[in-house]
Each structure stands twice: as structure tokens, then as C-alpha cells.
Amino acid sequence: MSSGNGLERKKLSKTLKPHWVWAIALGSSIGWGSFVLPADWMAGAGPLGVILGLSIGAVLMAIIAISYGVLIRNYPVSGGEFAYAFLSLNRVHAYISGWFLTLGYICIVALNATAFALMLKFVFPDFIQNMKIYTVAGWDVYFTEIIIVTLLVAFFTYLNIKGSGLSGRMQFIFVMILILGVFSLTGFMTTNSGASFSNMNPVFSPEVSPLAAILTIVAIAPFAYVGFDNVPQAAEEFKFSARKALTLIMMALLFAAIIYSFMIITTAVAAPWQDTSSAGLQWGTGTVVQDVLGTGGLVILVVALSMGIFTGLNGFLISASRVLFAMARGKVLPNAFSKLHSKHNTPYFAIIFAAIVAILAPWFGREVLGWIVNMSSLGVSIAYFYTCYTAYSLLKWNDQGSEFDETLHIVSPGKKFIAILGMVSSVGFLILLLYPNSPAALGSESLWALVIWIVLGFIFYLVKRKDLQSYDREDLAYLILGKEKFKLTDKED
């Protein structure tokens, strides 16, 4: 498709069905965390502290999701928050949003892949812990582990290049197996004579106040639920009305909160949770499930965890490549990232690039990768703020005049107020992560990773600035948003 200025705008094929998109959102939100981290989370908050914190986090994510629903409905294009920041502000803010999103998404691809190797290390330690290369930040790096991560990422790279239809269908199958596994595990554990709900006492960690315990978990909500925002990245490929997007996101958040809660209960009823959390176990949930349910229970857990890893890896590889594609189409990144496969019409170069970066990550050790992922929670919160701000700008209190094209405007004071709540929630997440005395403040390593990423982003922007500024806003609006007629705001660079 070409504009009146002769610009060529590449478009992706519409192949995704509603239940596939729901699976992308849910599978990405769950990932590996719900199966690997319950013991770690309970150590600082207690079982009820984690469940309440994650439930409150889901509500806050739902508030933010309403703004996503408004924007997806009006702008079903790849790029999501990158495109939204351009719409309400300018190309500089679009670049900032896209820069943080790219890092977050690619890191989560890598983290899911290394989680698979971590699981195999628990199940088959003698096989995985071979050919040690070196130690980074106290973490032993094994060549066997790197081979497994590389093969796993390569498989999903192939799947994604073949088309979003194939990856979406596989995502739905993975998610259904995951749900069946979680429900089965919780049912078996809570009805087993070797487990007891009394093991969940005390329900809050005695080390901190209940409020501090809950806030510690609320602060990780952007990390725990990141993945529902994969929906706008896939919006351009919807084979259905974009009006359904918000319902799909809300259903994904609901199922994600239930799954998280079920896995906390599954872990906590097996044995006194304080013993599980303080024992220094490599995988607390795996250990207690095996103790109570035996090998059969461990097999169910391993299958469910594998599906969680696969859905997270697949979902974020889709999103990372779509953000890269959208940024290249918007002239922020080199044109190579917007190249489409001649047969499958997928952004193959962007997919391969994201995969290569993800494959490099395990060489630095999981501890270092964890620092970067913790920092990326802040980047996701920034993207949430941009989305809510854009929805606030787009929505109107009444039918008075507006700075935007009237055909795109919606009179909805309720949703406009919710967009304000979304901005407040996003700022709250940022404060919890950055304020030194916060119970969820980022560690010094994560803050240094943040500084390095900001400096790299600034340098890269200086390199691209001249080329980016050579396009006027109308041209960029066409390339990023697909709008040939676009009323400009006064918020240009």
C-alpha cells in the first residue's frame, strides 16, 4: 500500500483467530513464573500476601487494559505502545516506548528459554550439568544448557517465520494443556492426605506487615502479567473485529490470576510454606509436588511448566518481532527489520534478530539475565503509562471540539476517567520500583542495567535522529498508524 507521497507501507497478513489471540495473551502472562517462583514469592509475603497482591495486580492491569481496548479498536496496527506514543505525543516518545518494550520482550524470550533448561536441570541434573564453561555472578554456565536453549529458540523461530496462524494455533494447544495441568495439580494436592491447608499458616510473612507484603507483590504485577499487552502487537493480524480485543484481554487476565493463585495454593499446602521457602531448594514447587504426589505429580507439573515456557517464549517472540517491525516501518530502526518473507509474509529478519539476542543471553548466566528482566518491569510500566495517556488524549469528556481527527474520537467520560486511573497505576508501579525505601525497590544491579540501556538508547537515537527527522509527521502517521488523513497535534518534536 502506498501513500500520496509515494511511501510504501508494508502490511502483515490477517491470520489470527479470537481464541488464538486469547491464548497469546494468557500464555504470555503465565509463562514460567507461576510454576517456578511461588516459594520465592511466599518467602517475602506469605501465601495470602501473594494471592492478594497478584489479585490486586490483576485488577490494576484490567484498569490499564481498558485503555488498550480503546486504542486497539481504533488503531489495530503492529507496534502497540510504540504507535500510541507517536499518536498522542511525537516520534521521540514513540522511540523511548519502543526501545524499552524491545528490551523487555526479548529478555522474557530468553528468560523463558533458560527456565526450560533450569527445569531440566532439576529433573535430569546429571545430564544438564555437563561441560561447565564458567561462572557468572555465582551462576554456573553449562554448554549443555546453552545447546538446549538454542534448539528451543530455533524451533519457535521457525514456527514464527512459518506464519502467525501456525504459531497462534500452537499457542492455543499449549495453553489448553497448561490449564488442564494446573487444575489437575491443584485438585490432586488439595485432596491428598499428605497435604493440608494448615500448612498455609501464617498466611502472611511474619517478617513484614501485611500491607508491605501485599505491596511487594503488587509491584511485580507488570512482570507477572506482562503478556496481555501482546494483543496490540498482534492487532494488525486479527482475522476478526478489533472490538473483541478488550474482552479477550480481560478473560486472559482473569484466567492468569486464577492460575497464579492455584499454583500458590498447590505449593503452600504440601508442607509448611516457611520451611519450603527457607530451605534453599532449587525448585520449591517441584520438590514439594514430588514429595506429596510422587513421580506422576512431577510429570504433570513438568508438562504444565513446559507449556507455560513454550507459550511465553512463543508469545513474546511474536511481540518482540512486531515491535521491531513497526519501529522499522516507522523509520526508527533500519529497514531490514521491516522485511517480510516472500511466502509467509512474516517479519522474518526481526524474528531472527530477536531470537539471536535471546540465544546470546544464557552465555551471561541466569543471574545477570534476572537483573535485566527486573529492570524491564520498569520499561513495561512506562509503556503502560504511554498507552493510558494516549487513551486519555483520544477520549472526550463531552462532544466539544478536539485536537484529533473527529472521526477517531469517542465521547466516554467513564473510560477517560479510567485512563487517568491507569496513568496513576503506572506511576505507582514506577514509584514502587524506583523509590529506595520501597519494599519492591530495584536492586543496584538492575538499576545499573537500566542506566546502561538508557545510554545505549540515547546513542542509537543520535545515530538515527537525522534520518528520522527527514520524514514529516504526516508521512510517519501513515507508516506507523496507516492513516493517510491525519489531523496533527501541537506536540511535535
Protein backbone atom coordinates (compact mmCIF):
# COMPACT_ATOMS: atom_id res chain seq x y z
CA MET A 1 0.00 0.00 0.00
CA SER A 2 1.37 3.43 -0.99
CA SER A 3 0.55 6.95 0.20
CA GLY A 4 0.16 10.08 -1.84
CA ASN A 5 3.82 10.83 -1.08
CA GLY A 6 4.93 7.58 -2.66
CA LEU A 7 5.82 5.90 0.62
CA GLU A 8 5.45 2.13 0.69
CA ARG A 9 3.74 0.78 3.82
CA LYS A 10 4.22 -2.93 4.39
CA LYS A 11 1.31 -4.84 5.94
CA LEU A 12 1.05 -8.18 7.71
CA SER A 13 -1.46 -10.89 6.80
CA LYS A 14 -4.69 -11.28 8.81
CA THR A 15 -4.49 -14.84 10.10
CA LEU A 16 -5.21 -14.79 13.86
CA LYS A 17 -8.50 -16.10 15.28
CA PRO A 18 -10.00 -14.81 18.58
CA HIS A 19 -9.19 -17.87 20.70
CA TRP A 20 -5.61 -17.83 19.42
CA VAL A 21 -5.22 -14.20 20.49
CA TRP A 22 -6.68 -15.05 23.91
CA ALA A 23 -4.11 -17.84 24.16
CA ILE A 24 -1.29 -15.44 23.20
CA ALA A 25 -2.34 -13.05 25.99
CA LEU A 26 -2.86 -15.74 28.64
CA GLY A 27 0.11 -17.91 27.75
CA SER A 28 2.43 -14.90 27.71
CA SER A 29 1.11 -13.65 31.07
CA ILE A 30 1.67 -17.00 32.77
CA GLY A 31 4.98 -18.12 31.29
CA TRP A 32 7.29 -19.89 33.70
CA GLY A 33 6.84 -17.64 36.75
CA SER A 34 3.72 -19.25 38.20
CA PHE A 35 5.46 -22.65 38.33
CA VAL A 36 8.97 -21.63 39.40
CA LEU A 37 8.55 -18.64 41.72
CA PRO A 38 5.78 -19.46 44.27
CA ALA A 39 8.27 -20.42 47.02
CA ASP A 40 10.34 -17.27 46.39
CA TRP A 41 7.27 -15.03 46.47
CA MET A 42 5.91 -16.65 49.63
CA ALA A 43 9.24 -16.14 51.40
CA GLY A 44 8.65 -12.40 51.37
CA ALA A 45 4.86 -12.15 51.57
CA GLY A 46 3.27 -15.41 52.73
CA PRO A 47 0.65 -17.37 50.76
CA LEU A 48 -2.27 -14.97 51.25
CA GLY A 49 0.02 -11.98 50.71
CA VAL A 50 0.99 -13.35 47.29
CA ILE A 51 -2.59 -14.24 46.30
CA LEU A 52 -3.95 -10.84 47.37
CA GLY A 53 -1.02 -8.97 45.80
CA LEU A 54 -1.40 -10.75 42.46
CA SER A 55 -5.20 -10.35 42.54
CA ILE A 56 -4.89 -6.61 43.16
CA GLY A 57 -2.26 -6.51 40.43
CA ALA A 58 -4.71 -8.18 38.02
CA VAL A 59 -7.33 -5.53 38.81
CA LEU A 60 -4.80 -2.75 38.16
CA MET A 61 -3.81 -4.45 34.90
CA ALA A 62 -7.50 -4.63 33.95
CA ILE A 63 -7.83 -0.88 34.53
CA ILE A 64 -4.85 -0.30 32.24
CA ALA A 65 -6.25 -2.84 29.74
CA ILE A 66 -9.36 -0.70 29.17
CA SER A 67 -7.13 1.94 27.57
CA TYR A 68 -5.58 -0.77 25.41
CA GLY A 69 -9.05 -1.83 24.30
CA VAL A 70 -9.91 1.71 23.18
CA LEU A 71 -6.71 2.08 21.17
CA ILE A 72 -6.69 -1.39 19.60
CA ARG A 73 -10.25 -0.78 18.41
CA ASN A 74 -9.24 2.44 16.65
CA TYR A 75 -5.66 1.58 15.70
CA PRO A 76 -5.32 -2.17 15.01
CA VAL A 77 -1.68 -1.90 13.92
CA SER A 78 1.54 -3.63 14.92
CA GLY A 79 3.71 -1.74 17.36
CA GLY A 80 1.20 -1.19 20.15
CA GLU A 81 2.65 1.26 22.66
CA PHE A 82 5.20 2.49 20.11
CA ALA A 83 2.37 3.60 17.82
CA TYR A 84 0.30 5.00 20.70
CA ALA A 85 3.15 7.19 21.98
CA PHE A 86 3.56 8.62 18.48
CA LEU A 87 -0.18 9.27 18.21
CA SER A 88 -0.51 11.30 21.40
CA LEU A 89 2.99 12.79 21.59
CA ASN A 90 5.76 12.53 19.00
CA ARG A 91 8.43 10.39 17.40
CA VAL A 92 10.86 10.82 20.31
CA HIS A 93 8.38 9.40 22.81
CA ALA A 94 7.50 6.64 20.34
CA TYR A 95 11.19 5.73 20.19
CA ILE A 96 11.50 5.69 24.00
CA SER A 97 8.46 3.46 24.34
CA GLY A 98 9.63 1.08 21.62
CA TRP A 99 13.18 0.95 23.00
CA PHE A 100 12.05 -0.22 26.43
CA LEU A 101 9.47 -2.63 25.01
CA THR A 102 12.02 -4.30 22.73
CA LEU A 103 14.38 -4.97 25.62
CA GLY A 104 11.61 -6.29 27.86
CA TYR A 105 10.14 -8.63 25.27
CA ILE A 106 13.44 -10.11 24.07
CA CYS A 107 14.65 -10.63 27.65
CA ILE A 108 11.48 -12.51 28.51
CA VAL A 109 12.00 -14.74 25.46
CA ALA A 110 15.47 -15.52 26.82
CA LEU A 111 14.24 -15.97 30.39
CA ASN A 112 11.57 -18.47 29.30
CA ALA A 113 14.11 -20.44 27.29
CA THR A 114 16.55 -20.60 30.21
CA ALA A 115 13.68 -21.61 32.51
CA PHE A 116 13.27 -24.74 30.39
CA ALA A 117 16.93 -25.60 30.92
CA LEU A 118 16.50 -24.87 34.64
CA MET A 119 13.59 -27.30 34.80
CA LEU A 120 15.62 -30.00 33.04
CA LYS A 121 18.47 -29.32 35.48
CA PHE A 122 16.06 -30.23 38.31
CA VAL A 123 14.67 -33.33 36.59
CA PHE A 124 17.87 -34.56 34.90
CA PRO A 125 20.75 -32.91 36.82
CA ASP A 126 23.43 -35.33 35.65
CA PHE A 127 22.53 -34.70 32.01
CA ILE A 128 22.29 -30.90 32.11
CA GLN A 129 25.23 -30.18 34.42
CA ASN A 130 27.82 -31.20 31.86
CA MET A 131 30.59 -29.24 30.13
CA LYS A 132 30.77 -26.34 32.56
CA ILE A 133 32.20 -23.27 30.83
CA TYR A 134 32.49 -20.65 33.59
CA THR A 135 30.66 -18.98 36.48
CA VAL A 136 28.94 -15.57 36.24
CA ALA A 137 27.67 -13.81 39.39
CA GLY A 138 27.64 -17.14 41.20
CA TRP A 139 25.76 -18.93 38.41
CA ASP A 140 27.42 -21.90 36.67
CA VAL A 141 27.04 -21.79 32.89
CA TYR A 142 26.95 -25.20 31.15
CA PHE A 143 27.39 -25.76 27.43
CA THR A 144 24.65 -28.44 27.51
CA GLU A 145 22.23 -25.82 28.86
CA ILE A 146 23.14 -23.38 26.08
CA ILE A 147 22.59 -26.05 23.40
CA ILE A 148 19.10 -26.79 24.75
CA VAL A 149 18.18 -23.09 24.89
CA THR A 150 19.47 -22.59 21.34
CA LEU A 151 17.47 -25.52 19.95
CA LEU A 152 14.30 -24.42 21.74
CA VAL A 153 14.52 -20.83 20.49
CA ALA A 154 15.37 -22.07 17.00
CA PHE A 155 12.20 -24.20 16.96
CA PHE A 156 9.95 -21.27 17.83
CA THR A 157 11.82 -19.04 15.40
CA TYR A 158 10.94 -21.50 12.64
CA LEU A 159 7.34 -21.67 13.88
CA ASN A 160 7.00 -17.88 13.80
CA ILE A 161 8.55 -17.46 10.37
CA LYS A 162 6.07 -20.01 9.00
CA GLY A 163 3.25 -17.65 9.96
CA SER A 164 1.25 -16.19 12.85
CA GLY A 165 -1.57 -18.59 12.01
CA LEU A 166 0.59 -21.62 12.80
CA SER A 167 2.14 -20.06 15.92
CA GLY A 168 -1.32 -18.91 17.09
CA ARG A 169 -2.81 -22.39 16.68
CA MET A 170 0.07 -23.99 18.56
CA GLN A 171 -0.24 -21.36 21.29
CA PHE A 172 -3.88 -22.32 21.89
CA ILE A 173 -2.99 -26.03 22.15
CA PHE A 174 -0.19 -25.26 24.61
CA VAL A 175 -2.49 -23.09 26.76
CA MET A 176 -5.22 -25.74 26.99
CA ILE A 177 -2.67 -28.35 28.15
CA LEU A 178 -1.33 -25.80 30.68
CA ILE A 179 -4.78 -25.12 32.15
CA LEU A 180 -5.58 -28.84 32.39
CA GLY A 181 -2.26 -29.45 34.13
CA VAL A 182 -2.71 -26.64 36.70
CA PHE A 183 -6.28 -27.61 37.57
CA SER A 184 -5.26 -31.28 37.92
CA LEU A 185 -2.29 -30.44 40.15
CA THR A 186 -4.30 -28.22 42.47
CA GLY A 187 -7.07 -30.82 42.69
CA PHE A 188 -4.68 -33.66 43.48
CA MET A 189 -2.68 -31.64 46.03
CA THR A 190 -5.63 -30.21 47.97
CA THR A 191 -7.34 -33.61 48.26
CA ASN A 192 -4.20 -35.62 49.11
CA SER A 193 -3.88 -36.86 52.68
CA GLY A 194 -0.24 -35.82 52.70
CA ALA A 195 -1.11 -32.16 52.24
CA SER A 196 -3.08 -29.77 54.43
CA PHE A 197 -4.43 -26.21 54.26
CA SER A 198 -2.99 -25.72 57.77
CA ASN A 199 0.43 -25.58 56.08
CA MET A 200 -0.57 -22.17 54.70
CA ASN A 201 -0.38 -20.64 58.21
CA PRO A 202 0.70 -17.99 58.94
CA VAL A 203 -0.96 -16.58 55.83
CA PHE A 204 1.32 -13.50 55.82
CA SER A 205 5.06 -13.39 56.33
CA PRO A 206 5.78 -12.58 59.99
CA GLU A 207 8.87 -10.64 58.88
CA VAL A 208 6.87 -7.70 57.45
CA SER A 209 3.48 -6.07 57.86
CA PRO A 210 0.60 -7.47 55.77
CA LEU A 211 0.45 -4.19 53.80
CA ALA A 212 4.16 -4.29 52.97
CA ALA A 213 3.83 -7.97 51.99
CA ILE A 214 0.96 -7.22 49.60
CA LEU A 215 2.68 -4.15 48.11
CA THR A 216 5.82 -6.17 47.44
CA ILE A 217 3.78 -8.49 45.23
CA VAL A 218 1.66 -5.71 43.67
CA ALA A 219 4.91 -4.11 42.48
CA ILE A 220 5.78 -7.18 40.40
CA ALA A 221 2.37 -7.16 38.66
CA PRO A 222 3.86 -5.60 35.49
CA PHE A 223 6.24 -8.57 35.34
CA ALA A 224 3.67 -11.16 36.41
CA TYR A 225 1.05 -10.07 33.88
CA VAL A 226 3.21 -8.68 31.10
CA GLY A 227 1.90 -10.53 28.09
CA PHE A 228 -1.67 -9.25 27.93
CA ASP A 229 -0.11 -6.30 26.09
CA ASN A 230 1.00 -8.73 23.37
CA VAL A 231 -2.53 -8.36 22.00
CA PRO A 232 -1.94 -4.89 20.44
CA GLN A 233 1.29 -6.19 18.90
CA ALA A 234 -0.77 -8.78 17.02
CA ALA A 235 -3.70 -6.44 16.25
CA GLU A 236 -2.73 -5.94 12.62
CA GLU A 237 -3.08 -9.70 12.10
CA PHE A 238 -6.58 -10.07 13.60
CA LYS A 239 -8.90 -12.08 11.37
CA PHE A 240 -11.83 -10.63 13.32
CA SER A 241 -13.15 -7.31 14.59
CA ALA A 242 -10.74 -5.39 16.83
CA ARG A 243 -13.75 -4.65 19.07
CA LYS A 244 -13.28 -8.09 20.64
CA ALA A 245 -9.75 -7.31 21.83
CA LEU A 246 -10.68 -5.93 25.26
CA THR A 247 -12.87 -8.94 26.10
CA LEU A 248 -10.04 -11.29 25.14
CA ILE A 249 -7.56 -9.36 27.32
CA MET A 250 -9.92 -9.35 30.32
CA MET A 251 -10.53 -13.09 30.01
CA ALA A 252 -6.78 -13.68 29.81
CA LEU A 253 -6.15 -11.61 32.96
CA LEU A 254 -8.89 -13.46 34.85
CA PHE A 255 -7.50 -16.89 33.93
CA ALA A 256 -3.95 -15.72 34.71
CA ALA A 257 -4.93 -14.56 38.23
CA ILE A 258 -6.68 -17.90 38.86
CA ILE A 259 -3.69 -19.92 37.65
CA TYR A 260 -1.27 -17.90 39.79
CA SER A 261 -3.48 -18.40 42.85
CA PHE A 262 -3.87 -22.12 42.20
CA MET A 263 -0.10 -22.61 41.95
CA ILE A 264 0.47 -20.71 45.22
CA ILE A 265 -2.08 -22.97 46.93
CA THR A 266 -0.56 -26.07 45.33
CA THR A 267 2.87 -25.15 46.70
CA ALA A 268 1.70 -23.95 50.12
CA VAL A 269 -0.48 -26.92 51.15
CA ALA A 270 2.22 -29.53 50.54
CA ALA A 271 4.36 -28.61 53.55
CA PRO A 272 4.73 -25.68 55.95
CA TRP A 273 5.40 -22.89 53.46
CA GLN A 274 8.09 -21.27 55.62
CA ASP A 275 10.11 -24.50 55.51
CA THR A 276 9.72 -24.70 51.72
CA SER A 277 10.71 -21.05 51.23
CA SER A 278 13.72 -21.12 53.55
CA ALA A 279 15.19 -24.48 52.54
CA GLY A 280 17.19 -23.05 49.65
CA LEU A 281 15.61 -25.52 47.23
CA GLN A 282 16.50 -25.24 43.56
CA TRP A 283 12.80 -25.52 42.69
CA GLY A 284 10.48 -25.36 45.70
CA THR A 285 7.26 -26.23 43.86
CA GLY A 286 8.86 -29.17 42.08
CA THR A 287 10.28 -30.57 45.30
CA VAL A 288 7.03 -30.46 47.31
CA VAL A 289 4.90 -31.80 44.45
CA GLN A 290 7.26 -34.73 44.03
CA ASP A 291 7.25 -35.36 47.80
CA VAL A 292 3.44 -35.47 48.01
CA LEU A 293 2.33 -36.81 44.61
CA GLY A 294 5.41 -38.74 43.57
CA THR A 295 6.74 -39.07 40.03
CA GLY A 296 3.25 -38.82 38.50
CA GLY A 297 2.66 -35.42 40.07
CA LEU A 298 6.09 -34.22 38.98
CA VAL A 299 5.35 -35.32 35.40
CA ILE A 300 2.12 -33.26 35.37
CA LEU A 301 4.00 -30.26 36.78
CA VAL A 302 6.82 -30.58 34.27
CA VAL A 303 4.35 -30.80 31.36
CA ALA A 304 2.40 -27.76 32.64
CA LEU A 305 5.61 -25.79 33.20
CA SER A 306 6.85 -26.73 29.73
CA MET A 307 3.62 -25.42 28.23
CA GLY A 308 3.99 -22.22 30.25
CA ILE A 309 7.53 -21.78 28.96
CA PHE A 310 6.51 -22.53 25.37
CA THR A 311 3.58 -20.08 25.45
CA GLY A 312 5.72 -17.34 26.97
CA LEU A 313 8.56 -17.90 24.54
CA ASN A 314 6.23 -18.03 21.53
CA GLY A 315 4.08 -15.06 22.60
CA PHE A 316 6.97 -12.73 23.30
CA LEU A 317 8.83 -13.75 20.16
CA ILE A 318 5.71 -12.68 18.25
CA SER A 319 5.58 -9.38 20.14
CA ALA A 320 9.30 -8.59 20.03
CA SER A 321 9.40 -9.11 16.27
CA ARG A 322 6.26 -6.99 15.74
CA VAL A 323 7.66 -4.09 17.74
CA LEU A 324 10.90 -4.27 15.74
CA PHE A 325 8.88 -4.47 12.51
CA ALA A 326 6.71 -1.48 13.47
CA MET A 327 9.71 0.61 14.52
CA ALA A 328 11.46 -0.12 11.22
CA ARG A 329 8.28 0.68 9.28
CA GLY A 330 8.17 3.95 11.24
CA LYS A 331 11.79 4.70 10.24
CA VAL A 332 13.15 4.39 13.77
CA LEU A 333 15.12 1.21 13.02
CA PRO A 334 16.92 0.11 9.84
CA ASN A 335 14.63 -1.07 7.02
CA ALA A 336 15.93 -4.64 7.34
CA PHE A 337 13.66 -5.17 10.36
CA SER A 338 10.59 -4.50 8.22
CA LYS A 339 11.48 -7.12 5.59
CA LEU A 340 8.66 -9.62 5.01
CA HIS A 341 9.08 -13.25 4.00
CA SER A 342 8.20 -13.72 0.32
CA LYS A 343 6.00 -16.75 1.01
CA HIS A 344 4.71 -16.37 4.59
CA ASN A 345 4.57 -12.55 4.79
CA THR A 346 6.11 -12.56 8.27
CA PRO A 347 8.83 -10.13 9.51
CA TYR A 348 11.46 -12.85 9.30
CA PHE A 349 14.51 -10.63 9.85
CA ALA A 350 13.01 -9.16 13.05
CA ILE A 351 12.09 -12.66 14.26
CA ILE A 352 15.62 -13.97 13.62
CA PHE A 353 17.23 -10.93 15.27
CA ALA A 354 15.10 -11.29 18.43
CA ALA A 355 15.95 -15.00 18.52
CA ILE A 356 19.70 -14.38 18.18
CA VAL A 357 19.68 -11.87 21.05
CA ALA A 358 17.69 -14.34 23.17
CA ILE A 359 20.18 -17.12 22.40
CA LEU A 360 23.12 -14.90 23.44
CA ALA A 361 21.59 -14.18 26.87
CA PRO A 362 22.26 -17.60 28.52
CA TRP A 363 26.01 -17.12 27.98
CA PHE A 364 25.87 -14.35 30.62
CA GLY A 365 24.22 -16.57 33.25
CA ARG A 366 20.68 -16.55 34.55
CA GLU A 367 21.53 -14.24 37.47
CA VAL A 368 22.61 -11.42 35.14
CA LEU A 369 19.60 -12.05 32.92
CA GLY A 370 17.39 -11.77 36.00
CA TRP A 371 18.77 -8.31 36.75
CA ILE A 372 17.87 -7.16 33.25
CA VAL A 373 14.38 -8.64 33.39
CA ASN A 374 13.73 -6.97 36.75
CA MET A 375 14.71 -3.69 35.15
CA SER A 376 12.41 -4.37 32.21
CA SER A 377 9.41 -4.27 34.59
CA LEU A 378 10.09 -0.55 34.76
CA GLY A 379 10.14 -0.31 30.96
CA VAL A 380 6.80 -2.10 30.71
CA SER A 381 5.32 0.32 33.27
CA ILE A 382 6.50 3.24 31.12
CA ALA A 383 4.77 1.66 28.11
CA TYR A 384 1.57 1.25 30.16
CA PHE A 385 1.69 4.95 31.03
CA TYR A 386 2.04 5.96 27.36
CA THR A 387 -0.95 3.80 26.46
CA CYS A 388 -3.18 5.23 29.18
CA TYR A 389 -2.09 8.78 28.35
CA THR A 390 -2.92 8.24 24.68
CA ALA A 391 -6.35 6.86 25.54
CA TYR A 392 -6.90 9.87 27.82
CA SER A 393 -5.95 12.19 24.94
CA LEU A 394 -8.17 10.36 22.48
CA LEU A 395 -11.28 10.10 24.65
CA LYS A 396 -13.50 13.12 25.33
CA TRP A 397 -15.49 14.27 28.35
CA ASN A 398 -18.16 15.67 26.00
CA ASP A 399 -18.79 16.38 22.32
CA GLN A 400 -16.88 19.67 22.25
CA GLY A 401 -14.07 20.26 19.74
CA SER A 402 -10.91 18.18 19.82
CA GLU A 403 -7.33 18.37 18.62
CA PHE A 404 -7.66 14.95 16.96
CA ASP A 405 -9.49 13.92 13.82
CA GLU A 406 -13.16 13.86 14.85
CA THR A 407 -13.83 10.53 13.13
CA LEU A 408 -11.48 8.86 15.63
CA HIS A 409 -12.89 10.42 18.75
CA ILE A 410 -15.12 8.79 21.34
CA VAL A 411 -17.21 10.59 23.92
CA SER A 412 -16.74 8.47 27.04
CA PRO A 413 -16.12 10.29 30.32
CA GLY A 414 -16.09 6.95 32.17
CA LYS A 415 -13.29 5.49 30.09
CA LYS A 416 -11.42 8.80 30.17
CA PHE A 417 -11.51 8.67 33.97
CA ILE A 418 -10.34 5.04 33.89
CA ALA A 419 -7.45 6.14 31.65
CA ILE A 420 -6.46 8.57 34.43
CA LEU A 421 -6.56 5.69 36.93
CA GLY A 422 -4.37 3.70 34.53
CA MET A 423 -1.81 6.52 34.44
CA VAL A 424 -1.86 6.72 38.25
CA SER A 425 -1.39 2.92 38.48
CA SER A 426 1.55 3.08 36.07
CA VAL A 427 3.20 5.86 38.06
CA GLY A 428 2.56 3.84 41.23
CA PHE A 429 4.42 0.87 39.74
CA LEU A 430 7.33 3.16 38.81
CA ILE A 431 7.49 4.58 42.36
CA LEU A 432 7.42 1.11 43.92
CA LEU A 433 10.30 0.06 41.66
CA LEU A 434 12.43 3.22 41.94
CA TYR A 435 11.82 4.65 45.42
CA PRO A 436 14.78 3.45 47.55
CA ASN A 437 12.69 2.71 50.67
CA SER A 438 10.01 0.84 48.74
CA PRO A 439 9.60 -2.84 49.67
CA ALA A 440 9.91 -3.64 45.96
CA ALA A 441 12.78 -1.28 45.02
CA LEU A 442 15.06 -2.49 42.23
CA GLY A 443 18.47 -3.74 43.27
CA SER A 444 21.63 -1.86 42.37
CA GLU A 445 22.45 -4.37 39.60
CA SER A 446 19.08 -3.78 37.92
CA LEU A 447 19.50 -0.01 38.23
CA TRP A 448 22.91 -0.21 36.55
CA ALA A 449 21.38 -2.32 33.78
CA LEU A 450 18.74 0.41 33.40
CA VAL A 451 21.38 3.14 33.13
CA ILE A 452 23.32 1.16 30.51
CA TRP A 453 20.17 0.56 28.44
CA ILE A 454 19.21 4.26 28.59
CA VAL A 455 22.70 5.32 27.49
CA LEU A 456 22.65 2.82 24.61
CA GLY A 457 19.23 4.07 23.57
CA PHE A 458 20.40 7.67 23.61
CA ILE A 459 23.44 6.84 21.47
CA PHE A 460 21.36 4.87 18.98
CA TYR A 461 18.84 7.70 18.75
CA LEU A 462 21.60 10.21 17.97
CA VAL A 463 22.74 7.93 15.13
CA LYS A 464 19.20 7.65 13.70
CA ARG A 465 17.98 11.17 14.51
CA LYS A 466 18.87 12.84 11.21
CA ASP A 467 17.21 10.14 9.13
CA LEU A 468 14.14 10.06 11.37
CA GLN A 469 13.72 13.85 11.24
CA SER A 470 13.77 13.78 7.43
CA TYR A 471 10.17 12.48 7.45
CA ASP A 472 7.34 14.84 8.33
CA ARG A 473 4.62 13.84 10.78
CA GLU A 474 2.03 13.08 8.08
CA ASP A 475 4.40 10.56 6.47
CA LEU A 476 5.18 8.90 9.80
CA ALA A 477 1.48 8.83 10.73
CA TYR A 478 0.81 6.94 7.51
CA LEU A 479 3.69 4.50 8.06
CA ILE A 480 3.05 3.87 11.77
CA LEU A 481 -0.73 4.20 12.02
CA GLY A 482 -1.87 3.55 8.46
CA LYS A 483 -3.71 6.88 8.31
CA GLU A 484 -3.35 8.99 5.18
CA LYS A 485 -5.57 11.79 6.50
CA PHE A 486 -4.44 12.72 9.95
CA LYS A 487 -5.03 15.90 11.90
CA LEU A 488 -1.80 16.85 13.63
CA THR A 489 -1.39 17.74 17.26
CA ASP A 490 0.76 20.55 18.55
CA LYS A 491 3.05 18.11 20.33
CA GLU A 492 5.63 17.61 17.62
CA ASP A 493 9.33 17.17 18.38
